[in-house]
């Protein structure tokens, strides 16, 4: 199994974004901000937005946390200016647990993420995983798009990971992510088996496999 990082193991830190959006009427609860991320990703996927455009995500996110209509545009602007690669650091407990159990079962795993050169360090600092020996769950490889120079949905990003899974037919390797455009599209292009993490059933009727929790992979 290969995994995305954002939206699968890490979320934009709600302890940062909740107080940021509260003055605009946003619900400050952790639960509201977890929900808002997937609302944002569903909107981003529906629009077919590329990695570099987050406008649809920002609008859906602030609407999801309850920002009133008259403040949505400005709150989305504030979110755009504040959210950055280093805010993607809030570990998802069920996903961290599931990863540890999968590795303990003998499942070969790795991470392939569109990122900014920081994702391996953030995954380790957030207590999710590491490459090689150490106190955390060990994965075979962590691929950062900034480091390798190609990003999803370009299938070539997976080439950098698949060399660590020699002898395994790519069609038998699942790729789990939270974006239809980036993750499902990229996995299909690479001949992998896509699975969307869709905890709020935002993609009912989709023509690809979906799970609501990483624990379902067990």
C-alpha atoms as a PDB file:
ATOM      1  CA  UNK A   1       0.000   0.000   0.000  1.00  0.00           C
ATOM      2  CA  UNK A   2       1.063   3.555  -0.767  1.00  0.00           C
ATOM      3  CA  UNK A   3      -0.460   6.545   0.990  1.00  0.00           C
ATOM      4  CA  UNK A   4      -0.866  10.243   0.514  1.00  0.00           C
ATOM      5  CA  UNK A   5       0.104  12.275   3.588  1.00  0.00           C
ATOM      6  CA  UNK A   6      -2.248  15.272   3.730  1.00  0.00           C
ATOM      7  CA  UNK A   7      -5.818  14.302   4.528  1.00  0.00           C
ATOM      8  CA  UNK A   8      -4.726  10.719   5.203  1.00  0.00           C
ATOM      9  CA  UNK A   9      -2.252  11.036   8.086  1.00  0.00           C
ATOM     10  CA  UNK A  10      -2.094  14.810   8.610  1.00  0.00           C
ATOM     11  CA  UNK A  11      -4.639  17.633   8.518  1.00  0.00           C
ATOM     12  CA  UNK A  12      -4.170  21.402   8.502  1.00  0.00           C
ATOM     13  CA  UNK A  13      -3.774  22.049  12.211  1.00  0.00           C
ATOM     14  CA  UNK A  14      -7.225  22.918  13.621  1.00  0.00           C
ATOM     15  CA  UNK A  15      -5.608  24.474  16.691  1.00  0.00           C
ATOM     16  CA  UNK A  16      -4.214  27.093  14.296  1.00  0.00           C
ATOM     17  CA  UNK A  17      -7.150  27.477  11.918  1.00  0.00           C
ATOM     18  CA  UNK A  18      -9.924  27.465  14.541  1.00  0.00           C
ATOM     19  CA  UNK A  19      -8.824  30.690  16.279  1.00  0.00           C
ATOM     20  CA  UNK A  20      -7.962  32.157  12.883  1.00  0.00           C
ATOM     21  CA  UNK A  21     -11.534  31.805  11.616  1.00  0.00           C
ATOM     22  CA  UNK A  22     -13.436  32.255  14.892  1.00  0.00           C
ATOM     23  CA  UNK A  23     -13.572  36.084  14.544  1.00  0.00           C
ATOM     24  CA  UNK A  24     -15.457  35.564  11.265  1.00  0.00           C
ATOM     25  CA  UNK A  25     -18.029  33.295  12.906  1.00  0.00           C
ATOM     26  CA  UNK A  26     -16.271  29.960  12.399  1.00  0.00           C
ATOM     27  CA  UNK A  27     -17.025  27.065  14.733  1.00  0.00           C
ATOM     28  CA  UNK A  28     -13.841  26.606  16.811  1.00  0.00           C
ATOM     29  CA  UNK A  29     -14.313  22.883  17.476  1.00  0.00           C
ATOM     30  CA  UNK A  30     -11.795  20.328  16.257  1.00  0.00           C
ATOM     31  CA  UNK A  31     -14.628  18.254  14.765  1.00  0.00           C
ATOM     32  CA  UNK A  32     -15.868  21.165  12.651  1.00  0.00           C
ATOM     33  CA  UNK A  33     -12.410  21.737  11.197  1.00  0.00           C
ATOM     34  CA  UNK A  34     -11.829  18.067  10.458  1.00  0.00           C
ATOM     35  CA  UNK A  35     -15.126  18.053   8.575  1.00  0.00           C
ATOM     36  CA  UNK A  36     -14.199  21.278   6.801  1.00  0.00           C
ATOM     37  CA  UNK A  37     -11.053  19.778   5.306  1.00  0.00           C
ATOM     38  CA  UNK A  38     -12.995  17.026   3.533  1.00  0.00           C
ATOM     39  CA  UNK A  39     -15.663  19.500   2.428  1.00  0.00           C
ATOM     40  CA  UNK A  40     -12.865  21.547   0.934  1.00  0.00           C
ATOM     41  CA  UNK A  41     -11.286  18.569  -0.789  1.00  0.00           C
ATOM     42  CA  UNK A  42     -14.651  17.491  -2.224  1.00  0.00           C
ATOM     43  CA  UNK A  43     -15.149  20.989  -3.644  1.00  0.00           C
ATOM     44  CA  UNK A  44     -11.596  21.038  -5.012  1.00  0.00           C
ATOM     45  CA  UNK A  45     -12.111  17.657  -6.664  1.00  0.00           C
ATOM     46  CA  UNK A  46     -15.509  18.632  -8.092  1.00  0.00           C
ATOM     47  CA  UNK A  47     -13.921  21.678  -9.699  1.00  0.00           C
ATOM     48  CA  UNK A  48     -11.007  19.631 -11.043  1.00  0.00           C
ATOM     49  CA  UNK A  49      -8.622  22.097  -9.416  1.00  0.00           C
ATOM     50  CA  UNK A  50      -4.913  21.477  -9.810  1.00  0.00           C
ATOM     51  CA  UNK A  51      -2.487  21.267  -6.907  1.00  0.00           C
ATOM     52  CA  UNK A  52      -1.655  24.946  -7.138  1.00  0.00           C
ATOM     53  CA  UNK A  53      -5.215  26.296  -6.863  1.00  0.00           C
ATOM     54  CA  UNK A  54      -7.022  26.152  -3.511  1.00  0.00           C
ATOM     55  CA  UNK A  55      -9.724  28.765  -4.012  1.00  0.00           C
ATOM     56  CA  UNK A  56     -12.590  26.250  -4.126  1.00  0.00           C
ATOM     57  CA  UNK A  57     -11.178  24.494  -1.053  1.00  0.00           C
ATOM     58  CA  UNK A  58     -10.920  27.746   0.904  1.00  0.00           C
ATOM     59  CA  UNK A  59     -14.508  28.777   0.176  1.00  0.00           C
ATOM     60  CA  UNK A  60     -15.926  25.351   1.053  1.00  0.00           C
ATOM     61  CA  UNK A  61     -13.791  25.162   4.201  1.00  0.00           C
ATOM     62  CA  UNK A  62     -14.972  28.447   5.703  1.00  0.00           C
ATOM     63  CA  UNK A  63     -18.574  27.732   4.726  1.00  0.00           C
ATOM     64  CA  UNK A  64     -18.316  24.332   6.388  1.00  0.00           C
ATOM     65  CA  UNK A  65     -17.185  25.795   9.726  1.00  0.00           C
ATOM     66  CA  UNK A  66     -20.168  28.152   9.642  1.00  0.00           C
ATOM     67  CA  UNK A  67     -18.749  31.495   8.521  1.00  0.00           C
ATOM     68  CA  UNK A  68     -21.782  33.648   7.519  1.00  0.00           C
ATOM     69  CA  UNK A  69     -22.266  34.327   3.814  1.00  0.00           C
ATOM     70  CA  UNK A  70     -21.294  38.006   4.069  1.00  0.00           C
ATOM     71  CA  UNK A  71     -17.881  37.072   5.510  1.00  0.00           C
ATOM     72  CA  UNK A  72     -17.128  33.952   3.444  1.00  0.00           C
ATOM     73  CA  UNK A  73     -15.029  35.670   0.764  1.00  0.00           C
ATOM     74  CA  UNK A  74     -12.865  37.547   3.242  1.00  0.00           C
ATOM     75  CA  UNK A  75     -12.459  34.574   5.584  1.00  0.00           C
ATOM     76  CA  UNK A  76     -11.428  32.446   2.590  1.00  0.00           C
ATOM     77  CA  UNK A  77      -8.816  35.082   1.732  1.00  0.00           C
ATOM     78  CA  UNK A  78      -7.489  34.977   5.300  1.00  0.00           C
ATOM     79  CA  UNK A  79      -7.332  31.185   5.170  1.00  0.00           C
ATOM     80  CA  UNK A  80      -5.451  31.297   1.848  1.00  0.00           C
ATOM     81  CA  UNK A  81      -2.859  33.660   3.294  1.00  0.00           C
ATOM     82  CA  UNK A  82      -2.413  31.638   6.484  1.00  0.00           C
ATOM     83  CA  UNK A  83      -2.510  27.980   5.434  1.00  0.00           C
ATOM     84  CA  UNK A  84       0.917  26.774   4.354  1.00  0.00           C
ATOM     85  CA  UNK A  85       2.844  23.508   4.066  1.00  0.00           C
ATOM     86  CA  UNK A  86       3.962  23.612   7.683  1.00  0.00           C
ATOM     87  CA  UNK A  87       0.392  23.836   9.012  1.00  0.00           C
ATOM     88  CA  UNK A  88      -0.258  20.295   7.662  1.00  0.00           C
ATOM     89  CA  UNK A  89       0.915  18.731  10.917  1.00  0.00           C
ATOM     90  CA  UNK A  90      -2.113  17.556  12.928  1.00  0.00           C
ATOM     91  CA  UNK A  91      -1.911  13.736  13.140  1.00  0.00           C
ATOM     92  CA  UNK A  92      -5.065  11.671  12.611  1.00  0.00           C
ATOM     93  CA  UNK A  93      -5.112   9.115  15.427  1.00  0.00           C
ATOM     94  CA  UNK A  94      -7.014   6.348  13.602  1.00  0.00           C
ATOM     95  CA  UNK A  95      -4.731   6.631  10.592  1.00  0.00           C
ATOM     96  CA  UNK A  96      -1.572   6.488  12.689  1.00  0.00           C
ATOM     97  CA  UNK A  97      -2.930   3.406  14.478  1.00  0.00           C
ATOM     98  CA  UNK A  98      -3.953   1.735  11.220  1.00  0.00           C
ATOM     99  CA  UNK A  99      -0.538   2.317   9.669  1.00  0.00           C
ATOM    100  CA  UNK A 100       1.220   0.755  12.642  1.00  0.00           C
ATOM    101  CA  UNK A 101      -1.046  -2.299  12.516  1.00  0.00           C
ATOM    102  CA  UNK A 102      -0.630  -2.712   8.754  1.00  0.00           C
ATOM    103  CA  UNK A 103       3.163  -2.606   9.035  1.00  0.00           C
ATOM    104  CA  UNK A 104       3.084  -5.022  11.975  1.00  0.00           C
ATOM    105  CA  UNK A 105       1.073  -7.424   9.815  1.00  0.00           C
ATOM    106  CA  UNK A 106       3.865  -7.444   7.226  1.00  0.00           C
ATOM    107  CA  UNK A 107       2.228  -5.158   4.672  1.00  0.00           C
ATOM    108  CA  UNK A 108       4.814  -3.285   2.543  1.00  0.00           C
ATOM    109  CA  UNK A 109       3.960   0.437   2.713  1.00  0.00           C
ATOM    110  CA  UNK A 110       5.223   3.831   1.606  1.00  0.00           C
ATOM    111  CA  UNK A 111       4.131   7.468   1.298  1.00  0.00           C
ATOM    112  CA  UNK A 112       3.824   9.536  -1.894  1.00  0.00           C
ATOM    113  CA  UNK A 113       2.820  13.139  -1.276  1.00  0.00           C
ATOM    114  CA  UNK A 114       2.549  16.443  -3.094  1.00  0.00           C
ATOM    115  CA  UNK A 115       4.495  18.575  -0.670  1.00  0.00           C
ATOM    116  CA  UNK A 116       7.056  21.357  -0.341  1.00  0.00           C
ATOM    117  CA  UNK A 117      10.149  19.506   0.766  1.00  0.00           C
ATOM    118  CA  UNK A 118       8.974  19.165   4.358  1.00  0.00           C
ATOM    119  CA  UNK A 119       6.774  16.085   4.469  1.00  0.00           C
ATOM    120  CA  UNK A 120       9.266  13.484   5.693  1.00  0.00           C
ATOM    121  CA  UNK A 121      10.277  15.725   8.593  1.00  0.00           C
ATOM    122  CA  UNK A 122       6.663  16.589   9.462  1.00  0.00           C
ATOM    123  CA  UNK A 123       5.542  12.946   9.397  1.00  0.00           C
ATOM    124  CA  UNK A 124       8.328  12.111  11.815  1.00  0.00           C
ATOM    125  CA  UNK A 125       7.828  15.140  14.072  1.00  0.00           C
ATOM    126  CA  UNK A 126       4.069  14.455  14.198  1.00  0.00           C
ATOM    127  CA  UNK A 127       4.673  10.869  15.333  1.00  0.00           C
ATOM    128  CA  UNK A 128       3.302   9.200  12.198  1.00  0.00           C
ATOM    129  CA  UNK A 129       6.171   7.295  10.581  1.00  0.00           C
ATOM    130  CA  UNK A 130       9.762   7.286   9.435  1.00  0.00           C
ATOM    131  CA  UNK A 131      11.944   5.567   6.864  1.00  0.00           C
ATOM    132  CA  UNK A 132      14.186   2.944   8.430  1.00  0.00           C
ATOM    133  CA  UNK A 133      14.766   2.066  12.049  1.00  0.00           C
ATOM    134  CA  UNK A 134      13.581   4.242  14.916  1.00  0.00           C
ATOM    135  CA  UNK A 135      10.824   4.715  17.463  1.00  0.00           C
ATOM    136  CA  UNK A 136       8.005   5.239  14.948  1.00  0.00           C
ATOM    137  CA  UNK A 137       6.332   2.982  12.410  1.00  0.00           C
ATOM    138  CA  UNK A 138       8.854   2.262   9.649  1.00  0.00           C
ATOM    139  CA  UNK A 139       7.875   2.660   5.987  1.00  0.00           C
ATOM    140  CA  UNK A 140       9.913   1.762   2.917  1.00  0.00           C
ATOM    141  CA  UNK A 141       9.963   5.218   1.362  1.00  0.00           C
ATOM    142  CA  UNK A 142       8.545   8.736   1.675  1.00  0.00           C
ATOM    143  CA  UNK A 143       8.320  10.601  -1.640  1.00  0.00           C
ATOM    144  CA  UNK A 144       7.956  14.397  -1.592  1.00  0.00           C
ATOM    145  CA  UNK A 145       6.960  15.960  -4.918  1.00  0.00           C
ATOM    146  CA  UNK A 146       9.189  18.984  -4.342  1.00  0.00           C
ATOM    147  CA  UNK A 147      12.205  16.751  -3.798  1.00  0.00           C
ATOM    148  CA  UNK A 148      11.656  14.529  -6.856  1.00  0.00           C
ATOM    149  CA  UNK A 149      10.436  17.313  -9.145  1.00  0.00           C
ATOM    150  CA  UNK A 150       7.108  15.852 -10.242  1.00  0.00           C
ATOM    151  CA  UNK A 151       3.691  15.993  -8.582  1.00  0.00           C
ATOM    152  CA  UNK A 152       0.381  14.137  -8.746  1.00  0.00           C
ATOM    153  CA  UNK A 153      -1.619  13.519 -10.865  1.00  0.00           C
ATOM    154  CA  UNK A 154       1.484  12.975 -13.018  1.00  0.00           C
ATOM    155  CA  UNK A 155       2.025   9.219 -12.819  1.00  0.00           C
ATOM    156  CA  UNK A 156       5.806   9.629 -12.892  1.00  0.00           C
ATOM    157  CA  UNK A 157       5.883  10.569  -9.203  1.00  0.00           C
ATOM    158  CA  UNK A 158       5.026   6.959  -8.354  1.00  0.00           C
ATOM    159  CA  UNK A 159       8.072   5.673 -10.228  1.00  0.00           C
ATOM    160  CA  UNK A 160      10.218   6.994  -7.391  1.00  0.00           C
ATOM    161  CA  UNK A 161       8.305   4.827  -4.915  1.00  0.00           C
ATOM    162  CA  UNK A 162       7.769   1.687  -6.987  1.00  0.00           C
ATOM    163  CA  UNK A 163      11.500   0.916  -7.123  1.00  0.00           C
ATOM    164  CA  UNK A 164      11.120   0.086  -3.423  1.00  0.00           C
ATOM    165  CA  UNK A 165       8.408  -2.491  -4.228  1.00  0.00           C
ATOM    166  CA  UNK A 166      10.189  -4.622  -6.806  1.00  0.00           C
ATOM    167  CA  UNK A 167       8.422  -7.819  -7.763  1.00  0.00           C
ATOM    168  CA  UNK A 168       4.973  -6.491  -6.895  1.00  0.00           C
ATOM    169  CA  UNK A 169       2.565  -5.863  -9.773  1.00  0.00           C
ATOM    170  CA  UNK A 170       1.526  -2.173  -9.580  1.00  0.00           C
ATOM    171  CA  UNK A 171      -2.101  -3.263 -10.061  1.00  0.00           C
ATOM    172  CA  UNK A 172      -1.828  -4.999  -6.680  1.00  0.00           C
ATOM    173  CA  UNK A 173      -0.608  -1.839  -4.947  1.00  0.00           C
ATOM    174  CA  UNK A 174      -3.327   0.356  -3.459  1.00  0.00           C
ATOM    175  CA  UNK A 175      -2.887   4.105  -3.277  1.00  0.00           C
ATOM    176  CA  UNK A 176      -4.951   5.809  -0.580  1.00  0.00           C
ATOM    177  CA  UNK A 177      -5.590   9.545  -0.771  1.00  0.00           C
ATOM    178  CA  UNK A 178      -8.240  12.215  -0.225  1.00  0.00           C
ATOM    179  CA  UNK A 179      -8.382  13.869  -3.661  1.00  0.00           C
ATOM    180  CA  UNK A 180     -10.232  12.547  -6.681  1.00  0.00           C
ATOM    181  CA  UNK A 181      -8.205  14.693  -9.078  1.00  0.00           C
ATOM    182  CA  UNK A 182      -4.751  14.281  -7.570  1.00  0.00           C
ATOM    183  CA  UNK A 183      -4.887  10.868  -5.911  1.00  0.00           C
ATOM    184  CA  UNK A 184      -7.457   8.765  -7.739  1.00  0.00           C
ATOM    185  CA  UNK A 185      -6.427  10.296 -11.050  1.00  0.00           C
ATOM    186  CA  UNK A 186      -2.714   9.887 -10.372  1.00  0.00           C
ATOM    187  CA  UNK A 187      -3.047   6.322  -9.108  1.00  0.00           C
ATOM    188  CA  UNK A 188      -5.083   5.283 -12.135  1.00  0.00           C
ATOM    189  CA  UNK A 189      -2.539   6.841 -14.480  1.00  0.00           C
ATOM    190  CA  UNK A 190       0.214   4.867 -12.749  1.00  0.00           C
ATOM    191  CA  UNK A 191      -1.698   1.579 -12.934  1.00  0.00           C
ATOM    192  CA  UNK A 192      -2.257   1.441  -9.170  1.00  0.00           C
ATOM    193  CA  UNK A 193      -5.512   0.649  -7.378  1.00  0.00           C
ATOM    194  CA  UNK A 194      -6.995   3.916  -6.023  1.00  0.00           C
ATOM    195  CA  UNK A 195      -8.859   4.107  -2.730  1.00  0.00           C
ATOM    196  CA  UNK A 196     -10.329   7.416  -1.563  1.00  0.00           C
ATOM    197  CA  UNK A 197     -10.456   8.245   2.133  1.00  0.00           C
ATOM    198  CA  UNK A 198     -13.964   9.713   2.271  1.00  0.00           C
ATOM    199  CA  UNK A 199     -14.967   9.857   5.955  1.00  0.00           C
ATOM    200  CA  UNK A 200     -18.153  11.871   5.388  1.00  0.00           C
ATOM    201  CA  UNK A 201     -19.377  10.039   2.284  1.00  0.00           C
ATOM    202  CA  UNK A 202     -18.945  13.092   0.069  1.00  0.00           C
ATOM    203  CA  UNK A 203     -18.485  10.929  -3.045  1.00  0.00           C
ATOM    204  CA  UNK A 204     -21.437   8.557  -2.915  1.00  0.00           C
ATOM    205  CA  UNK A 205     -21.818   6.610  -6.155  1.00  0.00           C
ATOM    206  CA  UNK A 206     -18.221   7.148  -7.268  1.00  0.00           C
ATOM    207  CA  UNK A 207     -16.627   4.571  -9.569  1.00  0.00           C
ATOM    208  CA  UNK A 208     -13.683   3.888  -7.279  1.00  0.00           C
ATOM    209  CA  UNK A 209     -13.243   2.265  -3.876  1.00  0.00           C
ATOM    210  CA  UNK A 210     -13.800   4.430  -0.801  1.00  0.00           C
ATOM    211  CA  UNK A 211     -13.205   4.023   2.919  1.00  0.00           C
ATOM    212  CA  UNK A 212     -14.388   6.152   5.810  1.00  0.00           C
ATOM    213  CA  UNK A 213     -11.452   5.297   8.062  1.00  0.00           C
ATOM    214  CA  UNK A 214      -7.981   3.925   7.507  1.00  0.00           C
ATOM    215  CA  UNK A 215      -8.863   1.219  10.025  1.00  0.00           C
ATOM    216  CA  UNK A 216     -11.088  -0.335   7.340  1.00  0.00           C
ATOM    217  CA  UNK A 217      -7.925  -1.332   5.467  1.00  0.00           C
ATOM    218  CA  UNK A 218      -7.180  -3.863   8.178  1.00  0.00           C
END
